Amino acid sequence: MKMREAVPEDAALIREIALATTDADNARARVMERAYQLEEIVRAISSSEEAKEQLFIVGETDGDVIGFYHAIDRGDTWEVLRLYLHPAHHRQG
């Protein structure tokens, strides 16, 4: 897997991956729908590009984005806020 900084053009794929991790019929899915609005993802990626105390990283396999994480600098350590891998790629080592 290749890791790289996310760009705003990745936002739709990031949203798709986040929503794919939930069952469409539960409360968590509704929360994810609100939390992963396309405009908010673009804003988060853009602020990550400007402020180096944040990282928004995507993972690619064969040129396809299959996962992402968002982390922030806490001074002496980094805290991962979100980490998602598309369910189609789970349990593949």
N, C-alpha and C. Protein backbone atom coordinates (compact mmCIF):
# COMPACT_ATOMS: atom_id res chain seq x y z
N MET A 1 0.84 -1.16 0.00
CA MET A 1 0.00 0.00 0.00
C MET A 1 0.89 1.23 0.00
N LYS A 2 0.53 2.19 -0.79
CA LYS A 2 1.23 3.47 -0.86
C LYS A 2 0.44 4.48 -0.03
N MET A 3 1.13 5.25 0.80
CA MET A 3 0.50 6.28 1.62
C MET A 3 0.92 7.64 1.07
N ARG A 4 -0.04 8.58 1.05
CA ARG A 4 0.26 9.94 0.60
C ARG A 4 -0.70 10.92 1.27
N GLU A 5 -0.33 12.20 1.26
CA GLU A 5 -1.23 13.22 1.79
C GLU A 5 -2.46 13.31 0.89
N ALA A 6 -3.60 13.45 1.52
CA ALA A 6 -4.86 13.59 0.78
C ALA A 6 -4.90 14.95 0.10
N VAL A 7 -5.59 15.00 -1.02
CA VAL A 7 -5.87 16.24 -1.73
C VAL A 7 -7.40 16.37 -1.82
N PRO A 8 -7.90 17.59 -2.02
CA PRO A 8 -9.35 17.78 -2.06
C PRO A 8 -10.08 16.85 -3.04
N GLU A 9 -9.42 16.45 -4.09
CA GLU A 9 -10.04 15.54 -5.07
C GLU A 9 -10.31 14.15 -4.49
N ASP A 10 -9.71 13.82 -3.35
CA ASP A 10 -9.93 12.54 -2.69
C ASP A 10 -11.19 12.54 -1.83
N ALA A 11 -11.81 13.68 -1.63
CA ALA A 11 -12.91 13.81 -0.67
C ALA A 11 -14.06 12.83 -0.93
N ALA A 12 -14.48 12.67 -2.16
CA ALA A 12 -15.60 11.77 -2.46
C ALA A 12 -15.25 10.32 -2.11
N LEU A 13 -14.03 9.90 -2.38
CA LEU A 13 -13.61 8.54 -2.04
C LEU A 13 -13.50 8.36 -0.53
N ILE A 14 -13.01 9.38 0.16
CA ILE A 14 -12.93 9.32 1.62
C ILE A 14 -14.33 9.16 2.20
N ARG A 15 -15.27 9.93 1.71
CA ARG A 15 -16.66 9.83 2.17
C ARG A 15 -17.21 8.43 1.91
N GLU A 16 -16.96 7.91 0.73
CA GLU A 16 -17.43 6.56 0.37
C GLU A 16 -16.86 5.51 1.32
N ILE A 17 -15.58 5.60 1.62
CA ILE A 17 -14.93 4.64 2.52
C ILE A 17 -15.53 4.74 3.92
N ALA A 18 -15.68 5.95 4.43
CA ALA A 18 -16.24 6.13 5.78
C ALA A 18 -17.65 5.56 5.87
N LEU A 19 -18.47 5.83 4.87
CA LEU A 19 -19.85 5.36 4.90
C LEU A 19 -19.94 3.85 4.68
N ALA A 20 -18.98 3.28 3.96
CA ALA A 20 -18.98 1.84 3.71
C ALA A 20 -18.72 1.03 4.98
N THR A 21 -18.20 1.69 6.01
CA THR A 21 -17.87 0.98 7.25
C THR A 21 -19.08 0.82 8.16
N THR A 22 -20.24 1.33 7.75
CA THR A 22 -21.43 1.26 8.60
C THR A 22 -22.54 0.49 7.90
N ASP A 23 -23.44 -0.04 8.68
CA ASP A 23 -24.65 -0.68 8.18
C ASP A 23 -25.66 0.44 7.94
N ALA A 24 -26.22 0.50 6.76
CA ALA A 24 -27.11 1.61 6.38
C ALA A 24 -28.33 1.74 7.26
N ASP A 25 -28.68 0.73 8.02
CA ASP A 25 -29.91 0.75 8.81
C ASP A 25 -29.70 1.07 10.29
N ASN A 26 -28.58 1.64 10.67
CA ASN A 26 -28.41 1.90 12.10
C ASN A 26 -28.12 3.37 12.38
N ALA A 27 -28.14 3.72 13.64
CA ALA A 27 -27.94 5.11 14.05
C ALA A 27 -26.54 5.61 13.69
N ARG A 28 -25.55 4.73 13.77
CA ARG A 28 -24.18 5.14 13.42
C ARG A 28 -24.10 5.60 11.97
N ALA A 29 -24.84 4.96 11.08
CA ALA A 29 -24.84 5.35 9.67
C ALA A 29 -25.35 6.78 9.52
N ARG A 30 -26.37 7.13 10.28
CA ARG A 30 -26.91 8.49 10.21
C ARG A 30 -25.88 9.51 10.73
N VAL A 31 -25.19 9.14 11.79
CA VAL A 31 -24.14 10.01 12.32
C VAL A 31 -23.04 10.18 11.29
N MET A 32 -22.63 9.09 10.67
CA MET A 32 -21.58 9.15 9.66
C MET A 32 -22.00 10.01 8.47
N GLU A 33 -23.24 9.91 8.06
CA GLU A 33 -23.75 10.73 6.96
C GLU A 33 -23.56 12.21 7.27
N ARG A 34 -23.88 12.60 8.50
CA ARG A 34 -23.72 14.01 8.90
C ARG A 34 -22.26 14.38 9.07
N ALA A 35 -21.48 13.49 9.64
CA ALA A 35 -20.07 13.79 9.93
C ALA A 35 -19.21 13.86 8.68
N TYR A 36 -19.60 13.14 7.66
CA TYR A 36 -18.77 13.07 6.45
C TYR A 36 -19.45 13.74 5.26
N GLN A 37 -19.89 14.98 5.49
CA GLN A 37 -20.40 15.80 4.39
C GLN A 37 -19.22 16.15 3.48
N LEU A 38 -19.43 16.11 2.19
CA LEU A 38 -18.35 16.33 1.23
C LEU A 38 -17.63 17.65 1.47
N GLU A 39 -18.39 18.71 1.73
CA GLU A 39 -17.77 20.03 1.93
C GLU A 39 -16.86 20.03 3.16
N GLU A 40 -17.27 19.31 4.21
CA GLU A 40 -16.46 19.25 5.43
C GLU A 40 -15.17 18.46 5.21
N ILE A 41 -15.24 17.43 4.41
CA ILE A 41 -14.03 16.66 4.11
C ILE A 41 -13.04 17.51 3.33
N VAL A 42 -13.54 18.23 2.33
CA VAL A 42 -12.67 19.12 1.55
C VAL A 42 -12.04 20.16 2.47
N ARG A 43 -12.83 20.73 3.39
CA ARG A 43 -12.31 21.73 4.33
C ARG A 43 -11.21 21.13 5.21
N ALA A 44 -11.44 19.93 5.71
CA ALA A 44 -10.44 19.27 6.58
C ALA A 44 -9.15 18.99 5.82
N ILE A 45 -9.27 18.53 4.60
CA ILE A 45 -8.08 18.26 3.79
C ILE A 45 -7.34 19.56 3.50
N SER A 46 -8.07 20.60 3.13
CA SER A 46 -7.45 21.89 2.82
C SER A 46 -6.75 22.47 4.04
N SER A 47 -7.37 22.38 5.22
CA SER A 47 -6.73 22.90 6.42
C SER A 47 -5.51 22.05 6.79
N SER A 48 -5.56 20.77 6.48
CA SER A 48 -4.41 19.89 6.72
C SER A 48 -3.24 20.29 5.84
N GLU A 49 -3.52 20.68 4.60
CA GLU A 49 -2.46 21.11 3.69
C GLU A 49 -1.79 22.38 4.19
N GLU A 50 -2.57 23.28 4.82
CA GLU A 50 -2.06 24.57 5.28
C GLU A 50 -1.40 24.47 6.65
N ALA A 51 -1.94 23.67 7.54
CA ALA A 51 -1.45 23.59 8.92
C ALA A 51 -0.76 22.25 9.13
N LYS A 52 0.52 22.27 9.30
CA LYS A 52 1.28 21.03 9.41
C LYS A 52 1.12 20.34 10.76
N GLU A 53 0.26 20.88 11.64
CA GLU A 53 -0.01 20.15 12.88
C GLU A 53 -1.13 19.13 12.68
N GLN A 54 -1.60 18.99 11.45
CA GLN A 54 -2.60 17.98 11.09
C GLN A 54 -2.08 17.18 9.91
N LEU A 55 -2.48 15.92 9.85
CA LEU A 55 -2.19 15.08 8.69
C LEU A 55 -3.48 14.41 8.25
N PHE A 56 -3.74 14.43 6.97
CA PHE A 56 -4.87 13.72 6.40
C PHE A 56 -4.23 12.86 5.31
N ILE A 57 -4.13 11.56 5.56
CA ILE A 57 -3.38 10.64 4.71
C ILE A 57 -4.32 9.60 4.11
N VAL A 58 -4.12 9.29 2.82
CA VAL A 58 -4.87 8.22 2.18
C VAL A 58 -3.92 7.08 1.84
N GLY A 59 -4.46 5.88 1.82
CA GLY A 59 -3.72 4.70 1.40
C GLY A 59 -4.25 4.23 0.06
N GLU A 60 -3.34 3.90 -0.84
CA GLU A 60 -3.71 3.46 -2.18
C GLU A 60 -3.14 2.07 -2.47
N THR A 61 -3.89 1.30 -3.20
CA THR A 61 -3.42 0.04 -3.75
C THR A 61 -3.79 0.04 -5.21
N ASP A 62 -2.81 -0.20 -6.05
CA ASP A 62 -3.02 -0.20 -7.50
C ASP A 62 -3.69 1.08 -7.98
N GLY A 63 -3.35 2.22 -7.37
CA GLY A 63 -3.88 3.51 -7.76
C GLY A 63 -5.26 3.84 -7.21
N ASP A 64 -5.87 2.91 -6.46
CA ASP A 64 -7.19 3.14 -5.88
C ASP A 64 -7.06 3.50 -4.40
N VAL A 65 -7.76 4.54 -3.97
CA VAL A 65 -7.78 4.91 -2.56
C VAL A 65 -8.64 3.89 -1.83
N ILE A 66 -8.05 3.21 -0.82
CA ILE A 66 -8.78 2.16 -0.10
C ILE A 66 -8.93 2.45 1.39
N GLY A 67 -8.28 3.52 1.87
CA GLY A 67 -8.39 3.86 3.27
C GLY A 67 -7.82 5.23 3.54
N PHE A 68 -8.02 5.70 4.78
CA PHE A 68 -7.48 7.01 5.15
C PHE A 68 -7.34 7.12 6.66
N TYR A 69 -6.52 8.08 7.09
CA TYR A 69 -6.49 8.45 8.50
C TYR A 69 -6.27 9.95 8.63
N HIS A 70 -6.73 10.48 9.76
CA HIS A 70 -6.59 11.89 10.09
C HIS A 70 -5.95 11.94 11.47
N ALA A 71 -4.85 12.66 11.59
CA ALA A 71 -4.12 12.75 12.86
C ALA A 71 -3.77 14.20 13.15
N ILE A 72 -3.60 14.52 14.45
CA ILE A 72 -3.19 15.85 14.84
C ILE A 72 -1.98 15.78 15.75
N ASP A 73 -1.16 16.81 15.68
CA ASP A 73 0.05 16.92 16.49
C ASP A 73 -0.33 17.41 17.88
N ARG A 74 -0.01 16.62 18.90
CA ARG A 74 -0.29 16.99 20.29
C ARG A 74 0.98 17.49 20.99
N GLY A 75 1.96 17.90 20.23
CA GLY A 75 3.21 18.41 20.82
C GLY A 75 4.29 17.37 20.81
N ASP A 76 4.22 16.44 21.76
CA ASP A 76 5.25 15.41 21.84
C ASP A 76 4.80 14.09 21.21
N THR A 77 3.57 14.05 20.68
CA THR A 77 3.05 12.84 20.05
C THR A 77 1.95 13.19 19.05
N TRP A 78 1.61 12.26 18.19
CA TRP A 78 0.52 12.42 17.24
C TRP A 78 -0.67 11.58 17.71
N GLU A 79 -1.86 12.12 17.58
CA GLU A 79 -3.08 11.40 17.94
C GLU A 79 -3.88 11.11 16.67
N VAL A 80 -4.18 9.84 16.42
CA VAL A 80 -5.00 9.46 15.28
C VAL A 80 -6.46 9.66 15.66
N LEU A 81 -7.15 10.52 14.92
CA LEU A 81 -8.55 10.82 15.19
C LEU A 81 -9.47 9.86 14.44
N ARG A 82 -9.12 9.56 13.22
CA ARG A 82 -9.93 8.67 12.38
C ARG A 82 -9.01 7.74 11.61
N LEU A 83 -9.44 6.51 11.46
CA LEU A 83 -8.69 5.51 10.71
C LEU A 83 -9.70 4.55 10.09
N TYR A 84 -9.80 4.55 8.78
CA TYR A 84 -10.77 3.71 8.08
C TYR A 84 -10.12 2.98 6.92
N LEU A 85 -10.51 1.74 6.74
CA LEU A 85 -10.12 0.94 5.61
C LEU A 85 -11.40 0.40 4.99
N HIS A 86 -11.54 0.52 3.68
CA HIS A 86 -12.75 0.04 3.02
C HIS A 86 -12.94 -1.44 3.36
N PRO A 87 -14.17 -1.82 3.74
CA PRO A 87 -14.43 -3.21 4.14
C PRO A 87 -14.02 -4.25 3.10
N ALA A 88 -14.01 -3.90 1.84
CA ALA A 88 -13.60 -4.86 0.80
C ALA A 88 -12.12 -5.23 0.92
N HIS A 89 -11.37 -4.46 1.72
CA HIS A 89 -9.94 -4.72 1.87
C HIS A 89 -9.56 -5.22 3.26
N HIS A 90 -10.55 -5.51 4.07
CA HIS A 90 -10.28 -6.07 5.40
C HIS A 90 -9.73 -7.50 5.26
N ARG A 91 -8.92 -7.89 6.23
CA ARG A 91 -8.38 -9.26 6.34
C ARG A 91 -7.54 -9.69 5.15
N GLN A 92 -6.78 -8.73 4.59
CA GLN A 92 -5.91 -9.06 3.47
C GLN A 92 -4.43 -8.90 3.82
N GLY A 93 -4.16 -8.85 5.10
CA GLY A 93 -2.77 -8.80 5.56
C GLY A 93 -2.12 -7.46 5.46
